[in-house]
Amino acid sequence: MDAMPMSSQPMSRSDAMKHMDHVDYPASKEDLVKACNNMSDVSEEDKKWFMESLPEGSYKSPDEVKEALGSSM
């Protein structure tokens, strides 16, 4: 098994979206924002972007979240 490289660099928005796979679905915007805010590798700027860009609603999967964010990414 290869070890994952450790980095002090914050994740990009697309990297942060990969972590949405670890959220329990269905999930509300509130649930997803809380999960994002608990990710220590996501920058404060990207947390703010996520909160402001994600439309209100309930999401059944990470793909629905990505689709809702669409061109914002």
PDB file of N, CA and C in Angstrom:
ATOM      1  N   MET A   1       0.825  -1.179   0.000  1.00  0.00           N
ATOM      2  CA  MET A   1       0.000   0.000   0.000  1.00  0.00           C
ATOM      3  C   MET A   1       0.870   1.242   0.000  1.00  0.00           C
ATOM      4  N   ASP A   2       0.616   2.178  -0.889  1.00  0.00           N
ATOM      5  CA  ASP A   2       1.383   3.413  -0.928  1.00  0.00           C
ATOM      6  C   ASP A   2       0.830   4.398   0.081  1.00  0.00           C
ATOM      7  N   ALA A   3       1.718   5.099   0.750  1.00  0.00           N
ATOM      8  CA  ALA A   3       1.288   6.135   1.687  1.00  0.00           C
ATOM      9  C   ALA A   3       0.879   7.366   0.902  1.00  0.00           C
ATOM     10  N   MET A   4      -0.145   8.037   1.388  1.00  0.00           N
ATOM     11  CA  MET A   4      -0.575   9.272   0.745  1.00  0.00           C
ATOM     12  C   MET A   4       0.409  10.368   1.111  1.00  0.00           C
ATOM     13  N   PRO A   5       0.819  11.174   0.143  1.00  0.00           N
ATOM     14  CA  PRO A   5       1.759  12.253   0.449  1.00  0.00           C
ATOM     15  C   PRO A   5       1.106  13.301   1.342  1.00  0.00           C
ATOM     16  N   MET A   6       1.858  13.767   2.310  1.00  0.00           N
ATOM     17  CA  MET A   6       1.356  14.800   3.201  1.00  0.00           C
ATOM     18  C   MET A   6       1.710  16.148   2.592  1.00  0.00           C
ATOM     19  N   SER A   7       0.800  17.098   2.691  1.00  0.00           N
ATOM     20  CA  SER A   7       1.033  18.413   2.127  1.00  0.00           C
ATOM     21  C   SER A   7       0.504  19.470   3.069  1.00  0.00           C
ATOM     22  N   SER A   8       1.218  20.575   3.151  1.00  0.00           N
ATOM     23  CA  SER A   8       0.731  21.682   3.962  1.00  0.00           C
ATOM     24  C   SER A   8      -0.112  22.627   3.116  1.00  0.00           C
ATOM     25  N   GLN A   9      -0.216  22.349   1.830  1.00  0.00           N
ATOM     26  CA  GLN A   9      -1.021  23.176   0.933  1.00  0.00           C
ATOM     27  C   GLN A   9      -2.491  22.869   1.120  1.00  0.00           C
ATOM     28  N   PRO A  10      -3.346  23.915   1.194  1.00  0.00           N
ATOM     29  CA  PRO A  10      -4.785  23.653   1.248  1.00  0.00           C
ATOM     30  C   PRO A  10      -5.249  22.973  -0.035  1.00  0.00           C
ATOM     31  N   MET A  11      -6.341  22.235   0.067  1.00  0.00           N
ATOM     32  CA  MET A  11      -6.911  21.569  -1.106  1.00  0.00           C
ATOM     33  C   MET A  11      -7.518  22.583  -2.050  1.00  0.00           C
ATOM     34  N   SER A  12      -7.569  22.215  -3.317  1.00  0.00           N
ATOM     35  CA  SER A  12      -8.299  23.026  -4.278  1.00  0.00           C
ATOM     36  C   SER A  12      -9.781  22.731  -4.131  1.00  0.00           C
ATOM     37  N   ARG A  13     -10.617  23.517  -4.778  1.00  0.00           N
ATOM     38  CA  ARG A  13     -12.061  23.282  -4.715  1.00  0.00           C
ATOM     39  C   ARG A  13     -12.410  21.899  -5.234  1.00  0.00           C
ATOM     40  N   SER A  14     -11.793  21.489  -6.327  1.00  0.00           N
ATOM     41  CA  SER A  14     -12.113  20.166  -6.873  1.00  0.00           C
ATOM     42  C   SER A  14     -11.632  19.064  -5.934  1.00  0.00           C
ATOM     43  N   ASP A  15     -10.503  19.270  -5.250  1.00  0.00           N
ATOM     44  CA  ASP A  15     -10.034  18.287  -4.271  1.00  0.00           C
ATOM     45  C   ASP A  15     -11.002  18.212  -3.095  1.00  0.00           C
ATOM     46  N   ALA A  16     -11.492  19.362  -2.666  1.00  0.00           N
ATOM     47  CA  ALA A  16     -12.447  19.389  -1.559  1.00  0.00           C
ATOM     48  C   ALA A  16     -13.716  18.643  -1.936  1.00  0.00           C
ATOM     49  N   MET A  17     -14.145  18.757  -3.181  1.00  0.00           N
ATOM     50  CA  MET A  17     -15.354  18.075  -3.627  1.00  0.00           C
ATOM     51  C   MET A  17     -15.191  16.565  -3.564  1.00  0.00           C
ATOM     52  N   LYS A  18     -13.973  16.083  -3.712  1.00  0.00           N
ATOM     53  CA  LYS A  18     -13.736  14.642  -3.624  1.00  0.00           C
ATOM     54  C   LYS A  18     -14.108  14.117  -2.238  1.00  0.00           C
ATOM     55  N   HIS A  19     -13.990  14.970  -1.224  1.00  0.00           N
ATOM     56  CA  HIS A  19     -14.319  14.570   0.133  1.00  0.00           C
ATOM     57  C   HIS A  19     -15.825  14.504   0.370  1.00  0.00           C
ATOM     58  N   MET A  20     -16.605  15.044  -0.540  1.00  0.00           N
ATOM     59  CA  MET A  20     -18.060  14.965  -0.408  1.00  0.00           C
ATOM     60  C   MET A  20     -18.525  13.517  -0.532  1.00  0.00           C
ATOM     61  N   ASP A  21     -17.652  12.650  -1.031  1.00  0.00           N
ATOM     62  CA  ASP A  21     -17.964  11.213  -1.104  1.00  0.00           C
ATOM     63  C   ASP A  21     -18.091  10.602   0.289  1.00  0.00           C
ATOM     64  N   HIS A  22     -17.538  11.260   1.292  1.00  0.00           N
ATOM     65  CA  HIS A  22     -17.524  10.721   2.650  1.00  0.00           C
ATOM     66  C   HIS A  22     -18.683  11.228   3.506  1.00  0.00           C
ATOM     67  N   VAL A  23     -19.604  11.950   2.897  1.00  0.00           N
ATOM     68  CA  VAL A  23     -20.773  12.476   3.605  1.00  0.00           C
ATOM     69  C   VAL A  23     -21.909  11.471   3.474  1.00  0.00           C
ATOM     70  N   ASP A  24     -22.725  11.358   4.509  1.00  0.00           N
ATOM     71  CA  ASP A  24     -23.900  10.488   4.443  1.00  0.00           C
ATOM     72  C   ASP A  24     -25.004  11.181   3.655  1.00  0.00           C
ATOM     73  N   TYR A  25     -25.496  10.515   2.636  1.00  0.00           N
ATOM     74  CA  TYR A  25     -26.572  11.047   1.789  1.00  0.00           C
ATOM     75  C   TYR A  25     -27.849  10.271   2.035  1.00  0.00           C
ATOM     76  N   PRO A  26     -29.030  10.899   1.878  1.00  0.00           N
ATOM     77  CA  PRO A  26     -29.232  12.278   1.431  1.00  0.00           C
ATOM     78  C   PRO A  26     -28.727  13.267   2.475  1.00  0.00           C
ATOM     79  N   ALA A  27     -28.344  14.455   1.985  1.00  0.00           N
ATOM     80  CA  ALA A  27     -27.800  15.500   2.847  1.00  0.00           C
ATOM     81  C   ALA A  27     -28.345  16.850   2.406  1.00  0.00           C
ATOM     82  N   SER A  28     -28.629  17.686   3.379  1.00  0.00           N
ATOM     83  CA  SER A  28     -29.089  19.042   3.090  1.00  0.00           C
ATOM     84  C   SER A  28     -27.882  19.948   2.866  1.00  0.00           C
ATOM     85  N   LYS A  29     -28.144  21.148   2.373  1.00  0.00           N
ATOM     86  CA  LYS A  29     -27.066  22.120   2.224  1.00  0.00           C
ATOM     87  C   LYS A  29     -26.401  22.332   3.584  1.00  0.00           C
ATOM     88  N   GLU A  30     -27.208  22.449   4.636  1.00  0.00           N
ATOM     89  CA  GLU A  30     -26.672  22.659   5.977  1.00  0.00           C
ATOM     90  C   GLU A  30     -25.723  21.527   6.376  1.00  0.00           C
ATOM     91  N   ASP A  31     -26.113  20.275   6.097  1.00  0.00           N
ATOM     92  CA  ASP A  31     -25.261  19.120   6.407  1.00  0.00           C
ATOM     93  C   ASP A  31     -23.940  19.202   5.648  1.00  0.00           C
ATOM     94  N   LEU A  32     -24.032  19.558   4.373  1.00  0.00           N
ATOM     95  CA  LEU A  32     -22.840  19.610   3.530  1.00  0.00           C
ATOM     96  C   LEU A  32     -21.904  20.744   3.930  1.00  0.00           C
ATOM     97  N   VAL A  33     -22.469  21.894   4.281  1.00  0.00           N
ATOM     98  CA  VAL A  33     -21.647  23.021   4.727  1.00  0.00           C
ATOM     99  C   VAL A  33     -20.941  22.654   6.037  1.00  0.00           C
ATOM    100  N   LYS A  34     -21.654  22.003   6.962  1.00  0.00           N
ATOM    101  CA  LYS A  34     -21.024  21.559   8.212  1.00  0.00           C
ATOM    102  C   LYS A  34     -19.868  20.608   7.931  1.00  0.00           C
ATOM    103  N   ALA A  35     -20.099  19.656   7.023  1.00  0.00           N
ATOM    104  CA  ALA A  35     -19.042  18.693   6.678  1.00  0.00           C
ATOM    105  C   ALA A  35     -17.836  19.417   6.079  1.00  0.00           C
ATOM    106  N   CYS A  36     -18.103  20.360   5.190  1.00  0.00           N
ATOM    107  CA  CYS A  36     -17.021  21.124   4.568  1.00  0.00           C
ATOM    108  C   CYS A  36     -16.256  21.917   5.625  1.00  0.00           C
ATOM    109  N   ASN A  37     -16.985  22.547   6.537  1.00  0.00           N
ATOM    110  CA  ASN A  37     -16.341  23.348   7.577  1.00  0.00           C
ATOM    111  C   ASN A  37     -15.487  22.506   8.518  1.00  0.00           C
ATOM    112  N   ASN A  38     -15.775  21.213   8.610  1.00  0.00           N
ATOM    113  CA  ASN A  38     -14.991  20.317   9.465  1.00  0.00           C
ATOM    114  C   ASN A  38     -13.757  19.756   8.769  1.00  0.00           C
ATOM    115  N   MET A  39     -13.563  20.075   7.495  1.00  0.00           N
ATOM    116  CA  MET A  39     -12.399  19.586   6.747  1.00  0.00           C
ATOM    117  C   MET A  39     -11.232  20.539   6.968  1.00  0.00           C
ATOM    118  N   SER A  40     -10.244  20.072   7.705  1.00  0.00           N
ATOM    119  CA  SER A  40      -9.119  20.939   8.064  1.00  0.00           C
ATOM    120  C   SER A  40      -8.245  21.308   6.869  1.00  0.00           C
ATOM    121  N   ASP A  41      -8.268  20.517   5.804  1.00  0.00           N
ATOM    122  CA  ASP A  41      -7.431  20.797   4.640  1.00  0.00           C
ATOM    123  C   ASP A  41      -8.062  21.779   3.662  1.00  0.00           C
ATOM    124  N   VAL A  42      -9.314  22.174   3.890  1.00  0.00           N
ATOM    125  CA  VAL A  42     -10.003  23.097   2.985  1.00  0.00           C
ATOM    126  C   VAL A  42      -9.784  24.519   3.498  1.00  0.00           C
ATOM    127  N   SER A  43      -9.368  25.409   2.603  1.00  0.00           N
ATOM    128  CA  SER A  43      -9.093  26.791   3.000  1.00  0.00           C
ATOM    129  C   SER A  43     -10.376  27.501   3.416  1.00  0.00           C
ATOM    130  N   GLU A  44     -10.236  28.527   4.219  1.00  0.00           N
ATOM    131  CA  GLU A  44     -11.391  29.321   4.643  1.00  0.00           C
ATOM    132  C   GLU A  44     -12.077  29.944   3.426  1.00  0.00           C
ATOM    133  N   GLU A  45     -11.285  30.342   2.452  1.00  0.00           N
ATOM    134  CA  GLU A  45     -11.839  30.928   1.223  1.00  0.00           C
ATOM    135  C   GLU A  45     -12.734  29.918   0.498  1.00  0.00           C
ATOM    136  N   ASP A  46     -12.266  28.686   0.397  1.00  0.00           N
ATOM    137  CA  ASP A  46     -13.059  27.661  -0.291  1.00  0.00           C
ATOM    138  C   ASP A  46     -14.279  27.240   0.521  1.00  0.00           C
ATOM    139  N   LYS A  47     -14.179  27.270   1.846  1.00  0.00           N
ATOM    140  CA  LYS A  47     -15.350  26.982   2.679  1.00  0.00           C
ATOM    141  C   LYS A  47     -16.424  28.043   2.444  1.00  0.00           C
ATOM    142  N   LYS A  48     -15.989  29.300   2.370  1.00  0.00           N
ATOM    143  CA  LYS A  48     -16.926  30.398   2.120  1.00  0.00           C
ATOM    144  C   LYS A  48     -17.552  30.248   0.735  1.00  0.00           C
ATOM    145  N   TRP A  49     -16.719  29.933  -0.266  1.00  0.00           N
ATOM    146  CA  TRP A  49     -17.214  29.731  -1.627  1.00  0.00           C
ATOM    147  C   TRP A  49     -18.259  28.623  -1.653  1.00  0.00           C
ATOM    148  N   PHE A  50     -17.980  27.521  -0.991  1.00  0.00           N
ATOM    149  CA  PHE A  50     -18.892  26.385  -0.973  1.00  0.00           C
ATOM    150  C   PHE A  50     -20.234  26.789  -0.366  1.00  0.00           C
ATOM    151  N   MET A  51     -20.181  27.476   0.767  1.00  0.00           N
ATOM    152  CA  MET A  51     -21.402  27.890   1.455  1.00  0.00           C
ATOM    153  C   MET A  51     -22.224  28.848   0.586  1.00  0.00           C
ATOM    154  N   GLU A  52     -21.552  29.758  -0.087  1.00  0.00           N
ATOM    155  CA  GLU A  52     -22.253  30.752  -0.903  1.00  0.00           C
ATOM    156  C   GLU A  52     -22.716  30.201  -2.248  1.00  0.00           C
ATOM    157  N   SER A  53     -22.018  29.220  -2.778  1.00  0.00           N
ATOM    158  CA  SER A  53     -22.302  28.721  -4.125  1.00  0.00           C
ATOM    159  C   SER A  53     -23.305  27.577  -4.168  1.00  0.00           C
ATOM    160  N   LEU A  54     -23.381  26.784  -3.113  1.00  0.00           N
ATOM    161  CA  LEU A  54     -24.269  25.626  -3.115  1.00  0.00           C
ATOM    162  C   LEU A  54     -25.714  26.074  -2.904  1.00  0.00           C
ATOM    163  N   PRO A  55     -26.604  25.771  -3.853  1.00  0.00           N
ATOM    164  CA  PRO A  55     -28.009  26.141  -3.678  1.00  0.00           C
ATOM    165  C   PRO A  55     -28.656  25.357  -2.537  1.00  0.00           C
ATOM    166  N   GLU A  56     -29.670  25.965  -1.911  1.00  0.00           N
ATOM    167  CA  GLU A  56     -30.446  25.272  -0.881  1.00  0.00           C
ATOM    168  C   GLU A  56     -31.057  24.021  -1.505  1.00  0.00           C
ATOM    169  N   GLY A  57     -31.196  22.989  -0.714  1.00  0.00           N
ATOM    170  CA  GLY A  57     -31.828  21.780  -1.210  1.00  0.00           C
ATOM    171  C   GLY A  57     -31.307  20.557  -0.505  1.00  0.00           C
ATOM    172  N   SER A  58     -31.819  19.420  -0.945  1.00  0.00           N
ATOM    173  CA  SER A  58     -31.389  18.134  -0.439  1.00  0.00           C
ATOM    174  C   SER A  58     -30.697  17.405  -1.583  1.00  0.00           C
ATOM    175  N   TYR A  59     -29.579  16.797  -1.283  1.00  0.00           N
ATOM    176  CA  TYR A  59     -28.756  16.143  -2.300  1.00  0.00           C
ATOM    177  C   TYR A  59     -28.665  14.652  -1.996  1.00  0.00           C
ATOM    178  N   LYS A  60     -28.857  13.840  -3.040  1.00  0.00           N
ATOM    179  CA  LYS A  60     -28.864  12.381  -2.883  1.00  0.00           C
ATOM    180  C   LYS A  60     -27.492  11.754  -3.051  1.00  0.00           C
ATOM    181  N   SER A  61     -26.538  12.516  -3.629  1.00  0.00           N
ATOM    182  CA  SER A  61     -25.221  11.947  -3.911  1.00  0.00           C
ATOM    183  C   SER A  61     -24.202  13.069  -4.107  1.00  0.00           C
ATOM    184  N   PRO A  62     -22.911  12.727  -4.051  1.00  0.00           N
ATOM    185  CA  PRO A  62     -21.873  13.714  -4.345  1.00  0.00           C
ATOM    186  C   PRO A  62     -22.013  14.264  -5.769  1.00  0.00           C
ATOM    187  N   ASP A  63     -22.475  13.430  -6.693  1.00  0.00           N
ATOM    188  CA  ASP A  63     -22.639  13.896  -8.071  1.00  0.00           C
ATOM    189  C   ASP A  63     -23.674  15.010  -8.162  1.00  0.00           C
ATOM    190  N   GLU A  64     -24.740  14.913  -7.354  1.00  0.00           N
ATOM    191  CA  GLU A  64     -25.750  15.981  -7.344  1.00  0.00           C
ATOM    192  C   GLU A  64     -25.155  17.277  -6.799  1.00  0.00           C
ATOM    193  N   VAL A  65     -24.278  17.168  -5.812  1.00  0.00           N
ATOM    194  CA  VAL A  65     -23.613  18.350  -5.265  1.00  0.00           C
ATOM    195  C   VAL A  65     -22.743  18.985  -6.350  1.00  0.00           C
ATOM    196  N   LYS A  66     -21.953  18.168  -7.020  1.00  0.00           N
ATOM    197  CA  LYS A  66     -21.071  18.675  -8.078  1.00  0.00           C
ATOM    198  C   LYS A  66     -21.877  19.315  -9.198  1.00  0.00           C
ATOM    199  N   GLU A  67     -22.994  18.695  -9.550  1.00  0.00           N
ATOM    200  CA  GLU A  67     -23.850  19.234 -10.605  1.00  0.00           C
ATOM    201  C   GLU A  67     -24.456  20.567 -10.174  1.00  0.00           C
ATOM    202  N   ALA A  68     -24.866  20.661  -8.919  1.00  0.00           N
ATOM    203  CA  ALA A  68     -25.451  21.915  -8.412  1.00  0.00           C
ATOM    204  C   ALA A  68     -24.436  23.049  -8.414  1.00  0.00           C
ATOM    205  N   LEU A  69     -23.179  22.720  -8.153  1.00  0.00           N
ATOM    206  CA  LEU A  69     -22.132  23.736  -8.160  1.00  0.00           C
ATOM    207  C   LEU A  69     -21.707  24.085  -9.578  1.00  0.00           C
ATOM    208  N   GLY A  70     -21.843  23.129 -10.477  1.00  0.00           N
ATOM    209  CA  GLY A  70     -21.594  23.314 -11.901  1.00  0.00           C
ATOM    210  C   GLY A  70     -20.457  24.244 -12.248  1.00  0.00           C
ATOM    211  N   SER A  71     -20.796  25.347 -12.874  1.00  0.00           N
ATOM    212  CA  SER A  71     -19.784  26.261 -13.396  1.00  0.00           C
ATOM    213  C   SER A  71     -19.081  27.062 -12.301  1.00  0.00           C
ATOM    214  N   SER A  72     -19.558  26.970 -11.053  1.00  0.00           N
ATOM    215  CA  SER A  72     -18.897  27.675  -9.959  1.00  0.00           C
ATOM    216  C   SER A  72     -17.546  27.066  -9.654  1.00  0.00           C
ATOM    217  N   MET A  73     -17.362  25.796 -10.040  1.00  0.00           N
ATOM    218  CA  MET A  73     -16.100  25.128  -9.754  1.00  0.00           C
ATOM    219  C   MET A  73     -15.112  25.568 -10.779  1.00  0.00           C
TER     220      MET A  73
END
